[in-house]
Every structure is written in structure tokens, then in C-alpha cells.
Amino acid sequence: YVGAARGKVSLYRGKQCVEMNIPEEEAVERLLEIIEEDGGF
């Protein structure tokens, strides 16, 4: 979970950026969704 700009966040899976410049207020929920999508790995 990396700050990209004021109020914007980029999300990473490992070293790969998978979501760029998403609104900060949505970032935690979206991070959890990505983790859940990867369940079982």
C-alpha cells in the first residue's frame, strides 16, 4: 500500500503494481479484495 499522490494510493502484489492512483478512501477495502481474490496461494 504505497502513497502515489495526495489522496491517491497504489497497490502492489509482490513487486507488481496492480492498482494505480486509486482514491485513498477506497484503498484499504480494495487491498483486502485483492488478497481475498488470491486466497489459497
PDB file of all heavy atoms in Angstrom:
ATOM      1  N   TYR A   1       0.884  -1.159   0.000  1.00  0.00           N
ATOM      2  CA  TYR A   1       0.000   0.000   0.000  1.00  0.00           C
ATOM      3  C   TYR A   1       0.925   1.213   0.000  1.00  0.00           C
ATOM      4  O   TYR A   1       1.614   1.469   0.998  1.00  0.00           O
ATOM      5  CB  TYR A   1      -0.875  -0.066   1.250  1.00  0.00           C
ATOM      6  CG  TYR A   1      -1.880   1.048   1.451  1.00  0.00           C
ATOM      7  CD1 TYR A   1      -3.245   0.791   1.389  1.00  0.00           C
ATOM      8  CD2 TYR A   1      -1.480   2.350   1.770  1.00  0.00           C
ATOM      9  CE1 TYR A   1      -4.185   1.802   1.626  1.00  0.00           C
ATOM     10  CE2 TYR A   1      -2.405   3.363   1.993  1.00  0.00           C
ATOM     11  CZ  TYR A   1      -3.757   3.071   1.916  1.00  0.00           C
ATOM     12  OH  TYR A   1      -4.697   4.065   2.148  1.00  0.00           O
ATOM     13  N   VAL A   2       1.004   1.941  -1.121  1.00  0.00           N
ATOM     14  CA  VAL A   2       2.010   2.986  -1.279  1.00  0.00           C
ATOM     15  C   VAL A   2       1.352   4.304  -1.690  1.00  0.00           C
ATOM     16  O   VAL A   2       0.551   4.341  -2.643  1.00  0.00           O
ATOM     17  CB  VAL A   2       3.055   2.587  -2.354  1.00  0.00           C
ATOM     18  CG1 VAL A   2       4.116   3.677  -2.515  1.00  0.00           C
ATOM     19  CG2 VAL A   2       3.722   1.266  -1.983  1.00  0.00           C
ATOM     20  N   GLY A   3       1.709   5.377  -0.980  1.00  0.00           N
ATOM     21  CA  GLY A   3       1.216   6.691  -1.361  1.00  0.00           C
ATOM     22  C   GLY A   3       1.731   7.083  -2.737  1.00  0.00           C
ATOM     23  O   GLY A   3       2.939   7.048  -2.986  1.00  0.00           O
ATOM     24  N   ALA A   4       0.822   7.457  -3.646  1.00  0.00           N
ATOM     25  CA  ALA A   4       1.209   7.812  -5.021  1.00  0.00           C
ATOM     26  C   ALA A   4       1.119   9.316  -5.252  1.00  0.00           C
ATOM     27  O   ALA A   4       1.916   9.891  -5.997  1.00  0.00           O
ATOM     28  CB  ALA A   4       0.318   7.084  -6.023  1.00  0.00           C
ATOM     29  N   ALA A   5       0.125   9.954  -4.645  1.00  0.00           N
ATOM     30  CA  ALA A   5      -0.063  11.402  -4.727  1.00  0.00           C
ATOM     31  C   ALA A   5      -0.975  11.780  -3.571  1.00  0.00           C
ATOM     32  O   ALA A   5      -1.483  10.907  -2.861  1.00  0.00           O
ATOM     33  CB  ALA A   5      -0.679  11.795  -6.065  1.00  0.00           C
ATOM     34  N   ARG A   6      -1.164  13.057  -3.360  1.00  0.00           N
ATOM     35  CA  ARG A   6      -2.025  13.464  -2.257  1.00  0.00           C
ATOM     36  C   ARG A   6      -3.423  12.889  -2.463  1.00  0.00           C
ATOM     37  O   ARG A   6      -4.085  13.133  -3.467  1.00  0.00           O
ATOM     38  CB  ARG A   6      -2.101  14.991  -2.190  1.00  0.00           C
ATOM     39  CG  ARG A   6      -2.744  15.524  -0.940  1.00  0.00           C
ATOM     40  CD  ARG A   6      -1.948  15.224   0.309  1.00  0.00           C
ATOM     41  NE  ARG A   6      -0.603  15.801   0.300  1.00  0.00           N
ATOM     42  CZ  ARG A   6       0.300  15.584   1.249  1.00  0.00           C
ATOM     43  NH1 ARG A   6       0.020  14.762   2.259  1.00  0.00           N
ATOM     44  NH2 ARG A   6       1.490  16.158   1.164  1.00  0.00           N
ATOM     45  N   GLY A   7      -3.873  12.035  -1.523  1.00  0.00           N
ATOM     46  CA  GLY A   7      -5.195  11.414  -1.612  1.00  0.00           C
ATOM     47  C   GLY A   7      -5.257  10.221  -2.545  1.00  0.00           C
ATOM     48  O   GLY A   7      -6.338   9.659  -2.750  1.00  0.00           O
ATOM     49  N   LYS A   8      -4.109   9.799  -3.127  1.00  0.00           N
ATOM     50  CA  LYS A   8      -4.080   8.681  -4.071  1.00  0.00           C
ATOM     51  C   LYS A   8      -3.112   7.596  -3.573  1.00  0.00           C
ATOM     52  O   LYS A   8      -2.059   7.898  -3.008  1.00  0.00           O
ATOM     53  CB  LYS A   8      -3.652   9.140  -5.466  1.00  0.00           C
ATOM     54  CG  LYS A   8      -4.562  10.196  -6.085  1.00  0.00           C
ATOM     55  CD  LYS A   8      -5.920   9.609  -6.432  1.00  0.00           C
ATOM     56  CE  LYS A   8      -6.792  10.662  -7.132  1.00  0.00           C
ATOM     57  NZ  LYS A   8      -8.123  10.110  -7.500  1.00  0.00           N
ATOM     58  N   VAL A   9      -3.482   6.348  -3.839  1.00  0.00           N
ATOM     59  CA  VAL A   9      -2.693   5.206  -3.369  1.00  0.00           C
ATOM     60  C   VAL A   9      -2.522   4.206  -4.503  1.00  0.00           C
ATOM     61  O   VAL A   9      -3.443   4.008  -5.312  1.00  0.00           O
ATOM     62  CB  VAL A   9      -3.393   4.516  -2.169  1.00  0.00           C
ATOM     63  CG1 VAL A   9      -2.692   3.223  -1.788  1.00  0.00           C
ATOM     64  CG2 VAL A   9      -3.458   5.471  -0.982  1.00  0.00           C
ATOM     65  N   SER A  10      -1.358   3.581  -4.571  1.00  0.00           N
ATOM     66  CA  SER A  10      -1.127   2.469  -5.493  1.00  0.00           C
ATOM     67  C   SER A  10      -0.986   1.189  -4.690  1.00  0.00           C
ATOM     68  O   SER A  10      -0.376   1.179  -3.607  1.00  0.00           O
ATOM     69  CB  SER A  10       0.130   2.708  -6.336  1.00  0.00           C
ATOM     70  OG  SER A  10      -0.058   3.802  -7.213  1.00  0.00           O
ATOM     71  N   LEU A  11      -1.535   0.095  -5.203  1.00  0.00           N
ATOM     72  CA  LEU A  11      -1.493  -1.195  -4.528  1.00  0.00           C
ATOM     73  C   LEU A  11      -0.620  -2.167  -5.309  1.00  0.00           C
ATOM     74  O   LEU A  11      -0.633  -2.176  -6.544  1.00  0.00           O
ATOM     75  CB  LEU A  11      -2.909  -1.762  -4.385  1.00  0.00           C
ATOM     76  CG  LEU A  11      -3.907  -0.892  -3.614  1.00  0.00           C
ATOM     77  CD1 LEU A  11      -5.281  -1.546  -3.596  1.00  0.00           C
ATOM     78  CD2 LEU A  11      -3.414  -0.634  -2.180  1.00  0.00           C
ATOM     79  N   TYR A  12       0.112  -2.979  -4.568  1.00  0.00           N
ATOM     80  CA  TYR A  12       1.061  -3.907  -5.174  1.00  0.00           C
ATOM     81  C   TYR A  12       0.750  -5.340  -4.762  1.00  0.00           C
ATOM     82  O   TYR A  12       0.343  -5.605  -3.627  1.00  0.00           O
ATOM     83  CB  TYR A  12       2.488  -3.576  -4.725  1.00  0.00           C
ATOM     84  CG  TYR A  12       3.072  -2.344  -5.360  1.00  0.00           C
ATOM     85  CD1 TYR A  12       2.622  -1.073  -4.999  1.00  0.00           C
ATOM     86  CD2 TYR A  12       4.076  -2.447  -6.317  1.00  0.00           C
ATOM     87  CE1 TYR A  12       3.158   0.069  -5.580  1.00  0.00           C
ATOM     88  CE2 TYR A  12       4.624  -1.305  -6.903  1.00  0.00           C
ATOM     89  CZ  TYR A  12       4.167  -0.057  -6.523  1.00  0.00           C
ATOM     90  OH  TYR A  12       4.701   1.071  -7.101  1.00  0.00           O
ATOM     91  N   ARG A  13       0.961  -6.236  -5.705  1.00  0.00           N
ATOM     92  CA  ARG A  13       1.015  -7.669  -5.407  1.00  0.00           C
ATOM     93  C   ARG A  13       2.474  -8.068  -5.632  1.00  0.00           C
ATOM     94  O   ARG A  13       2.962  -8.084  -6.755  1.00  0.00           O
ATOM     95  CB  ARG A  13       0.095  -8.471  -6.321  1.00  0.00           C
ATOM     96  CG  ARG A  13       0.143  -9.976  -6.044  1.00  0.00           C
ATOM     97  CD  ARG A  13      -0.632 -10.780  -7.066  1.00  0.00           C
ATOM     98  NE  ARG A  13      -2.077 -10.634  -6.915  1.00  0.00           N
ATOM     99  CZ  ARG A  13      -2.863 -10.041  -7.804  1.00  0.00           C
ATOM    100  NH1 ARG A  13      -2.328  -9.525  -8.918  1.00  0.00           N
ATOM    101  NH2 ARG A  13      -4.163  -9.965  -7.609  1.00  0.00           N
ATOM    102  N   GLY A  14       3.185  -8.333  -4.528  1.00  0.00           N
ATOM    103  CA  GLY A  14       4.618  -8.533  -4.656  1.00  0.00           C
ATOM    104  C   GLY A  14       5.264  -7.263  -5.186  1.00  0.00           C
ATOM    105  O   GLY A  14       5.030  -6.163  -4.694  1.00  0.00           O
ATOM    106  N   LYS A  15       6.062  -7.386  -6.227  1.00  0.00           N
ATOM    107  CA  LYS A  15       6.740  -6.223  -6.808  1.00  0.00           C
ATOM    108  C   LYS A  15       5.932  -5.554  -7.907  1.00  0.00           C
ATOM    109  O   LYS A  15       6.353  -4.538  -8.470  1.00  0.00           O
ATOM    110  CB  LYS A  15       8.106  -6.661  -7.363  1.00  0.00           C
ATOM    111  CG  LYS A  15       9.046  -7.219  -6.301  1.00  0.00           C
ATOM    112  CD  LYS A  15      10.342  -7.724  -6.925  1.00  0.00           C
ATOM    113  CE  LYS A  15      11.255  -8.339  -5.878  1.00  0.00           C
ATOM    114  NZ  LYS A  15      12.504  -8.880  -6.467  1.00  0.00           N
ATOM    115  N   GLN A  16       4.785  -6.136  -8.231  1.00  0.00           N
ATOM    116  CA  GLN A  16       3.991  -5.624  -9.355  1.00  0.00           C
ATOM    117  C   GLN A  16       2.883  -4.701  -8.873  1.00  0.00           C
ATOM    118  O   GLN A  16       2.090  -5.052  -7.995  1.00  0.00           O
ATOM    119  CB  GLN A  16       3.379  -6.799 -10.127  1.00  0.00           C
ATOM    120  CG  GLN A  16       2.551  -6.363 -11.332  1.00  0.00           C
ATOM    121  CD  GLN A  16       1.916  -7.540 -12.040  1.00  0.00           C
ATOM    122  OE1 GLN A  16       2.035  -8.679 -11.603  1.00  0.00           O
ATOM    123  NE2 GLN A  16       1.238  -7.260 -13.142  1.00  0.00           N
ATOM    124  N   CYS A  17       2.822  -3.525  -9.469  1.00  0.00           N
ATOM    125  CA  CYS A  17       1.739  -2.590  -9.170  1.00  0.00           C
ATOM    126  C   CYS A  17       0.485  -3.063  -9.901  1.00  0.00           C
ATOM    127  O   CYS A  17       0.472  -3.179 -11.131  1.00  0.00           O
ATOM    128  CB  CYS A  17       2.112  -1.183  -9.612  1.00  0.00           C
ATOM    129  SG  CYS A  17       0.849   0.052  -9.237  1.00  0.00           S
ATOM    130  N   VAL A  18      -0.589  -3.329  -9.163  1.00  0.00           N
ATOM    131  CA  VAL A  18      -1.814  -3.859  -9.765  1.00  0.00           C
ATOM    132  C   VAL A  18      -2.959  -2.842  -9.764  1.00  0.00           C
ATOM    133  O   VAL A  18      -3.944  -3.006 -10.496  1.00  0.00           O
ATOM    134  CB  VAL A  18      -2.256  -5.150  -9.050  1.00  0.00           C
ATOM    135  CG1 VAL A  18      -1.250  -6.268  -9.300  1.00  0.00           C
ATOM    136  CG2 VAL A  18      -2.443  -4.926  -7.554  1.00  0.00           C
ATOM    137  N   GLU A  19      -2.856  -1.791  -8.950  1.00  0.00           N
ATOM    138  CA  GLU A  19      -3.860  -0.723  -8.929  1.00  0.00           C
ATOM    139  C   GLU A  19      -3.116   0.590  -8.750  1.00  0.00           C
ATOM    140  O   GLU A  19      -2.384   0.761  -7.780  1.00  0.00           O
ATOM    141  CB  GLU A  19      -4.847  -0.911  -7.779  1.00  0.00           C
ATOM    142  CG  GLU A  19      -5.661  -2.190  -7.830  1.00  0.00           C
ATOM    143  CD  GLU A  19      -6.930  -2.023  -8.657  1.00  0.00           C
ATOM    144  OE1 GLU A  19      -7.188  -0.896  -9.118  1.00  0.00           O
ATOM    145  OE2 GLU A  19      -7.654  -3.020  -8.817  1.00  0.00           O
ATOM    146  N   MET A  20      -3.323   1.533  -9.667  1.00  0.00           N
ATOM    147  CA  MET A  20      -2.606   2.802  -9.591  1.00  0.00           C
ATOM    148  C   MET A  20      -3.547   3.952  -9.293  1.00  0.00           C
ATOM    149  O   MET A  20      -4.650   4.032  -9.845  1.00  0.00           O
ATOM    150  CB  MET A  20      -1.873   3.084 -10.915  1.00  0.00           C
ATOM    151  CG  MET A  20      -0.722   2.141 -11.215  1.00  0.00           C
ATOM    152  SD  MET A  20       0.182   2.625 -12.716  1.00  0.00           S
ATOM    153  CE  MET A  20       0.848   4.204 -12.201  1.00  0.00           C
ATOM    154  N   ASN A  21      -3.096   4.828  -8.395  1.00  0.00           N
ATOM    155  CA  ASN A  21      -3.772   6.105  -8.146  1.00  0.00           C
ATOM    156  C   ASN A  21      -5.251   5.953  -7.814  1.00  0.00           C
ATOM    157  O   ASN A  21      -6.089   6.702  -8.306  1.00  0.00           O
ATOM    158  CB  ASN A  21      -3.608   7.025  -9.370  1.00  0.00           C
ATOM    159  CG  ASN A  21      -2.158   7.349  -9.634  1.00  0.00           C
ATOM    160  OD1 ASN A  21      -1.382   7.593  -8.709  1.00  0.00           O
ATOM    161  ND2 ASN A  21      -1.775   7.346 -10.909  1.00  0.00           N
ATOM    162  N   ILE A  22      -5.574   5.006  -6.970  1.00  0.00           N
ATOM    163  CA  ILE A  22      -6.980   4.875  -6.558  1.00  0.00           C
ATOM    164  C   ILE A  22      -7.216   5.785  -5.362  1.00  0.00           C
ATOM    165  O   ILE A  22      -6.286   6.104  -4.609  1.00  0.00           O
ATOM    166  CB  ILE A  22      -7.338   3.404  -6.241  1.00  0.00           C
ATOM    167  CG1 ILE A  22      -6.514   2.886  -5.056  1.00  0.00           C
ATOM    168  CG2 ILE A  22      -7.129   2.515  -7.445  1.00  0.00           C
ATOM    169  CD1 ILE A  22      -6.933   1.489  -4.627  1.00  0.00           C
ATOM    170  N   PRO A  23      -8.449   6.234  -5.145  1.00  0.00           N
ATOM    171  CA  PRO A  23      -8.727   7.131  -4.026  1.00  0.00           C
ATOM    172  C   PRO A  23      -8.349   6.492  -2.686  1.00  0.00           C
ATOM    173  O   PRO A  23      -8.597   5.302  -2.463  1.00  0.00           O
ATOM    174  CB  PRO A  23     -10.232   7.369  -4.127  1.00  0.00           C
ATOM    175  CG  PRO A  23     -10.563   7.113  -5.556  1.00  0.00           C
ATOM    176  CD  PRO A  23      -9.643   6.021  -5.992  1.00  0.00           C
ATOM    177  N   GLU A  24      -7.761   7.272  -1.818  1.00  0.00           N
ATOM    178  CA  GLU A  24      -7.305   6.767  -0.528  1.00  0.00           C
ATOM    179  C   GLU A  24      -8.437   6.132   0.266  1.00  0.00           C
ATOM    180  O   GLU A  24      -8.246   5.104   0.920  1.00  0.00           O
ATOM    181  CB  GLU A  24      -6.685   7.921   0.273  1.00  0.00           C
ATOM    182  CG  GLU A  24      -6.142   7.520   1.635  1.00  0.00           C
ATOM    183  CD  GLU A  24      -5.610   8.716   2.410  1.00  0.00           C
ATOM    184  OE1 GLU A  24      -5.287   9.746   1.777  1.00  0.00           O
ATOM    185  OE2 GLU A  24      -5.527   8.613   3.639  1.00  0.00           O
ATOM    186  N   GLU A  25      -9.640   6.707   0.201  1.00  0.00           N
ATOM    187  CA  GLU A  25     -10.754   6.183   0.994  1.00  0.00           C
ATOM    188  C   GLU A  25     -11.221   4.810   0.517  1.00  0.00           C
ATOM    189  O   GLU A  25     -11.937   4.108   1.243  1.00  0.00           O
ATOM    190  CB  GLU A  25     -11.929   7.165   0.990  1.00  0.00           C
ATOM    191  CG  GLU A  25     -12.474   7.517  -0.385  1.00  0.00           C
ATOM    192  CD  GLU A  25     -11.793   8.714  -1.020  1.00  0.00           C
ATOM    193  OE1 GLU A  25     -10.671   9.065  -0.571  1.00  0.00           O
ATOM    194  OE2 GLU A  25     -12.383   9.301  -1.952  1.00  0.00           O
ATOM    195  N   GLU A  26     -10.818   4.405  -0.682  1.00  0.00           N
ATOM    196  CA  GLU A  26     -11.192   3.093  -1.216  1.00  0.00           C
ATOM    197  C   GLU A  26     -10.059   2.071  -1.121  1.00  0.00           C
ATOM    198  O   GLU A  26     -10.265   0.873  -1.361  1.00  0.00           O
ATOM    199  CB  GLU A  26     -11.593   3.220  -2.697  1.00  0.00           C
ATOM    200  CG  GLU A  26     -12.764   4.155  -2.953  1.00  0.00           C
ATOM    201  CD  GLU A  26     -13.017   4.350  -4.438  1.00  0.00           C
ATOM    202  OE1 GLU A  26     -12.403   3.608  -5.246  1.00  0.00           O
ATOM    203  OE2 GLU A  26     -13.818   5.246  -4.798  1.00  0.00           O
ATOM    204  N   ALA A  27      -8.866   2.530  -0.747  1.00  0.00           N
ATOM    205  CA  ALA A  27      -7.671   1.704  -0.917  1.00  0.00           C
ATOM    206  C   ALA A  27      -7.628   0.495   0.009  1.00  0.00           C
ATOM    207  O   ALA A  27      -7.254  -0.607  -0.412  1.00  0.00           O
ATOM    208  CB  ALA A  27      -6.423   2.558  -0.722  1.00  0.00           C
ATOM    209  N   VAL A  28      -8.000   0.658   1.276  1.00  0.00           N
ATOM    210  CA  VAL A  28      -7.919  -0.466   2.210  1.00  0.00           C
ATOM    211  C   VAL A  28      -8.886  -1.570   1.799  1.00  0.00           C
ATOM    212  O   VAL A  28      -8.529  -2.755   1.783  1.00  0.00           O
ATOM    213  CB  VAL A  28      -8.197   0.001   3.653  1.00  0.00           C
ATOM    214  CG1 VAL A  28      -8.297  -1.204   4.590  1.00  0.00           C
ATOM    215  CG2 VAL A  28      -7.108   0.955   4.136  1.00  0.00           C
ATOM    216  N   GLU A  29     -10.110  -1.178   1.446  1.00  0.00           N
ATOM    217  CA  GLU A  29     -11.094  -2.168   1.020  1.00  0.00           C
ATOM    218  C   GLU A  29     -10.637  -2.883  -0.245  1.00  0.00           C
ATOM    219  O   GLU A  29     -10.784  -4.111  -0.369  1.00  0.00           O
ATOM    220  CB  GLU A  29     -12.446  -1.498   0.782  1.00  0.00           C
ATOM    221  CG  GLU A  29     -13.560  -2.478   0.409  1.00  0.00           C
ATOM    222  CD  GLU A  29     -14.896  -1.804   0.228  1.00  0.00           C
ATOM    223  OE1 GLU A  29     -15.008  -0.596   0.548  1.00  0.00           O
ATOM    224  OE2 GLU A  29     -15.839  -2.484  -0.221  1.00  0.00           O
ATOM    225  N   ARG A  30     -10.039  -2.126  -1.174  1.00  0.00           N
ATOM    226  CA  ARG A  30      -9.585  -2.753  -2.420  1.00  0.00           C
ATOM    227  C   ARG A  30      -8.396  -3.685  -2.162  1.00  0.00           C
ATOM    228  O   ARG A  30      -8.279  -4.737  -2.779  1.00  0.00           O
ATOM    229  CB  ARG A  30      -9.195  -1.663  -3.430  1.00  0.00           C
ATOM    230  CG  ARG A  30      -8.737  -2.209  -4.770  1.00  0.00           C
ATOM    231  CD  ARG A  30      -9.821  -3.039  -5.449  1.00  0.00           C
ATOM    232  NE  ARG A  30      -9.315  -3.734  -6.629  1.00  0.00           N
ATOM    233  CZ  ARG A  30      -9.529  -5.017  -6.880  1.00  0.00           C
ATOM    234  NH1 ARG A  30     -10.245  -5.756  -6.032  1.00  0.00           N
ATOM    235  NH2 ARG A  30      -9.054  -5.573  -7.969  1.00  0.00           N
ATOM    236  N   LEU A  31      -7.511  -3.306  -1.235  1.00  0.00           N
ATOM    237  CA  LEU A  31      -6.384  -4.172  -0.861  1.00  0.00           C
ATOM    238  C   LEU A  31      -6.907  -5.505  -0.335  1.00  0.00           C
ATOM    239  O   LEU A  31      -6.415  -6.573  -0.729  1.00  0.00           O
ATOM    240  CB  LEU A  31      -5.518  -3.487   0.197  1.00  0.00           C
ATOM    241  CG  LEU A  31      -4.395  -4.334   0.801  1.00  0.00           C
ATOM    242  CD1 LEU A  31      -3.356  -4.697  -0.258  1.00  0.00           C
ATOM    243  CD2 LEU A  31      -3.732  -3.596   1.977  1.00  0.00           C
ATOM    244  N   LEU A  32      -7.908  -5.459   0.528  1.00  0.00           N
ATOM    245  CA  LEU A  32      -8.473  -6.683   1.087  1.00  0.00           C
ATOM    246  C   LEU A  32      -9.104  -7.535  -0.012  1.00  0.00           C
ATOM    247  O   LEU A  32      -8.968  -8.767  -0.010  1.00  0.00           O
ATOM    248  CB  LEU A  32      -9.498  -6.338   2.168  1.00  0.00           C
ATOM    249  CG  LEU A  32     -10.059  -7.528   2.962  1.00  0.00           C
ATOM    250  CD1 LEU A  32      -8.943  -8.296   3.651  1.00  0.00           C
ATOM    251  CD2 LEU A  32     -11.078  -7.045   3.982  1.00  0.00           C
ATOM    252  N   GLU A  33      -9.758  -6.899  -0.967  1.00  0.00           N
ATOM    253  CA  GLU A  33     -10.367  -7.648  -2.078  1.00  0.00           C
ATOM    254  C   GLU A  33      -9.305  -8.380  -2.889  1.00  0.00           C
ATOM    255  O   GLU A  33      -9.500  -9.534  -3.292  1.00  0.00           O
ATOM    256  CB  GLU A  33     -11.156  -6.685  -2.982  1.00  0.00           C
ATOM    257  CG  GLU A  33     -12.436  -6.161  -2.340  1.00  0.00           C
ATOM    258  CD  GLU A  33     -13.114  -5.098  -3.200  1.00  0.00           C
ATOM    259  OE1 GLU A  33     -12.526  -4.709  -4.255  1.00  0.00           O
ATOM    260  OE2 GLU A  33     -14.216  -4.631  -2.830  1.00  0.00           O
ATOM    261  N   ILE A  34      -8.186  -7.719  -3.134  1.00  0.00           N
ATOM    262  CA  ILE A  34      -7.101  -8.350  -3.896  1.00  0.00           C
ATOM    263  C   ILE A  34      -6.564  -9.568  -3.140  1.00  0.00           C
ATOM    264  O   ILE A  34      -6.329 -10.630  -3.713  1.00  0.00           O
ATOM    265  CB  ILE A  34      -5.972  -7.335  -4.171  1.00  0.00           C
ATOM    266  CG1 ILE A  34      -6.462  -6.249  -5.126  1.00  0.00           C
ATOM    267  CG2 ILE A  34      -4.734  -8.032  -4.735  1.00  0.00           C
ATOM    268  CD1 ILE A  34      -5.492  -5.096  -5.273  1.00  0.00           C
ATOM    269  N   ILE A  35      -6.381  -9.404  -1.832  1.00  0.00           N
ATOM    270  CA  ILE A  35      -5.882 -10.524  -1.016  1.00  0.00           C
ATOM    271  C   ILE A  35      -6.878 -11.684  -1.050  1.00  0.00           C
ATOM    272  O   ILE A  35      -6.491 -12.852  -1.203  1.00  0.00           O
ATOM    273  CB  ILE A  35      -5.620 -10.061   0.431  1.00  0.00           C
ATOM    274  CG1 ILE A  35      -4.487  -9.033   0.466  1.00  0.00           C
ATOM    275  CG2 ILE A  35      -5.267 -11.254   1.319  1.00  0.00           C
ATOM    276  CD1 ILE A  35      -4.282  -8.371   1.815  1.00  0.00           C
ATOM    277  N   GLU A  36      -8.146 -11.372  -0.928  1.00  0.00           N
ATOM    278  CA  GLU A  36      -9.172 -12.422  -0.946  1.00  0.00           C
ATOM    279  C   GLU A  36      -9.229 -13.117  -2.304  1.00  0.00           C
ATOM    280  O   GLU A  36      -9.427 -14.333  -2.378  1.00  0.00           O
ATOM    281  CB  GLU A  36     -10.530 -11.828  -0.590  1.00  0.00           C
ATOM    282  CG  GLU A  36     -10.639 -11.424   0.881  1.00  0.00           C
ATOM    283  CD  GLU A  36     -11.967 -10.785   1.197  1.00  0.00           C
ATOM    284  OE1 GLU A  36     -12.694 -10.413   0.256  1.00  0.00           O
ATOM    285  OE2 GLU A  36     -12.285 -10.648   2.394  1.00  0.00           O
ATOM    286  N   GLU A  37      -9.044 -12.350  -3.364  1.00  0.00           N
ATOM    287  CA  GLU A  37      -9.017 -12.951  -4.704  1.00  0.00           C
ATOM    288  C   GLU A  37      -7.874 -13.952  -4.847  1.00  0.00           C
ATOM    289  O   GLU A  37      -7.961 -14.911  -5.616  1.00  0.00           O
ATOM    290  CB  GLU A  37      -8.873 -11.855  -5.765  1.00  0.00           C
ATOM    291  CG  GLU A  37     -10.111 -10.986  -5.923  1.00  0.00           C
ATOM    292  CD  GLU A  37      -9.834  -9.729  -6.745  1.00  0.00           C
ATOM    293  OE1 GLU A  37      -8.688  -9.599  -7.255  1.00  0.00           O
ATOM    294  OE2 GLU A  37     -10.744  -8.877  -6.868  1.00  0.00           O
ATOM    295  N   ASP A  38      -6.789 -13.739  -4.106  1.00  0.00           N
ATOM    296  CA  ASP A  38      -5.619 -14.609  -4.173  1.00  0.00           C
ATOM    297  C   ASP A  38      -5.679 -15.742  -3.160  1.00  0.00           C
ATOM    298  O   ASP A  38      -4.699 -16.475  -3.013  1.00  0.00           O
ATOM    299  CB  ASP A  38      -4.341 -13.798  -3.904  1.00  0.00           C
ATOM    300  CG  ASP A  38      -4.050 -12.808  -5.009  1.00  0.00           C
ATOM    301  OD1 ASP A  38      -4.612 -12.962  -6.106  1.00  0.00           O
ATOM    302  OD2 ASP A  38      -3.264 -11.872  -4.760  1.00  0.00           O
ATOM    303  N   GLY A  39      -6.773 -15.891  -2.444  1.00  0.00           N
ATOM    304  CA  GLY A  39      -6.886 -16.900  -1.390  1.00  0.00           C
ATOM    305  C   GLY A  39      -6.499 -18.278  -1.883  1.00  0.00           C
ATOM    306  O   GLY A  39      -6.868 -18.709  -2.965  1.00  0.00           O
ATOM    307  N   GLY A  40      -5.676 -19.010  -1.044  1.00  0.00           N
ATOM    308  CA  GLY A  40      -5.244 -20.341  -1.414  1.00  0.00           C
ATOM    309  C   GLY A  40      -3.846 -20.385  -1.972  1.00  0.00           C
ATOM    310  O   GLY A  40      -3.247 -21.450  -2.061  1.00  0.00           O
ATOM    311  N   PHE A  41      -3.290 -19.202  -2.371  1.00  0.00           N
ATOM    312  CA  PHE A  41      -1.907 -19.171  -2.815  1.00  0.00           C
ATOM    313  C   PHE A  41      -0.991 -19.206  -1.586  1.00  0.00           C
ATOM    314  O   PHE A  41      -1.434 -19.161  -0.454  1.00  0.00           O
ATOM    315  CB  PHE A  41      -1.618 -17.899  -3.612  1.00  0.00           C
ATOM    316  CG  PHE A  41      -2.304 -17.866  -4.953  1.00  0.00           C
ATOM    317  CD1 PHE A  41      -2.367 -16.684  -5.667  1.00  0.00           C
ATOM    318  CD2 PHE A  41      -2.880 -19.004  -5.491  1.00  0.00           C
ATOM    319  CE1 PHE A  41      -2.992 -16.635  -6.901  1.00  0.00           C
ATOM    320  CE2 PHE A  41      -3.501 -18.964  -6.729  1.00  0.00           C
ATOM    321  CZ  PHE A  41      -3.567 -17.776  -7.428  1.00  0.00           C
TER     322      PHE A  41
END
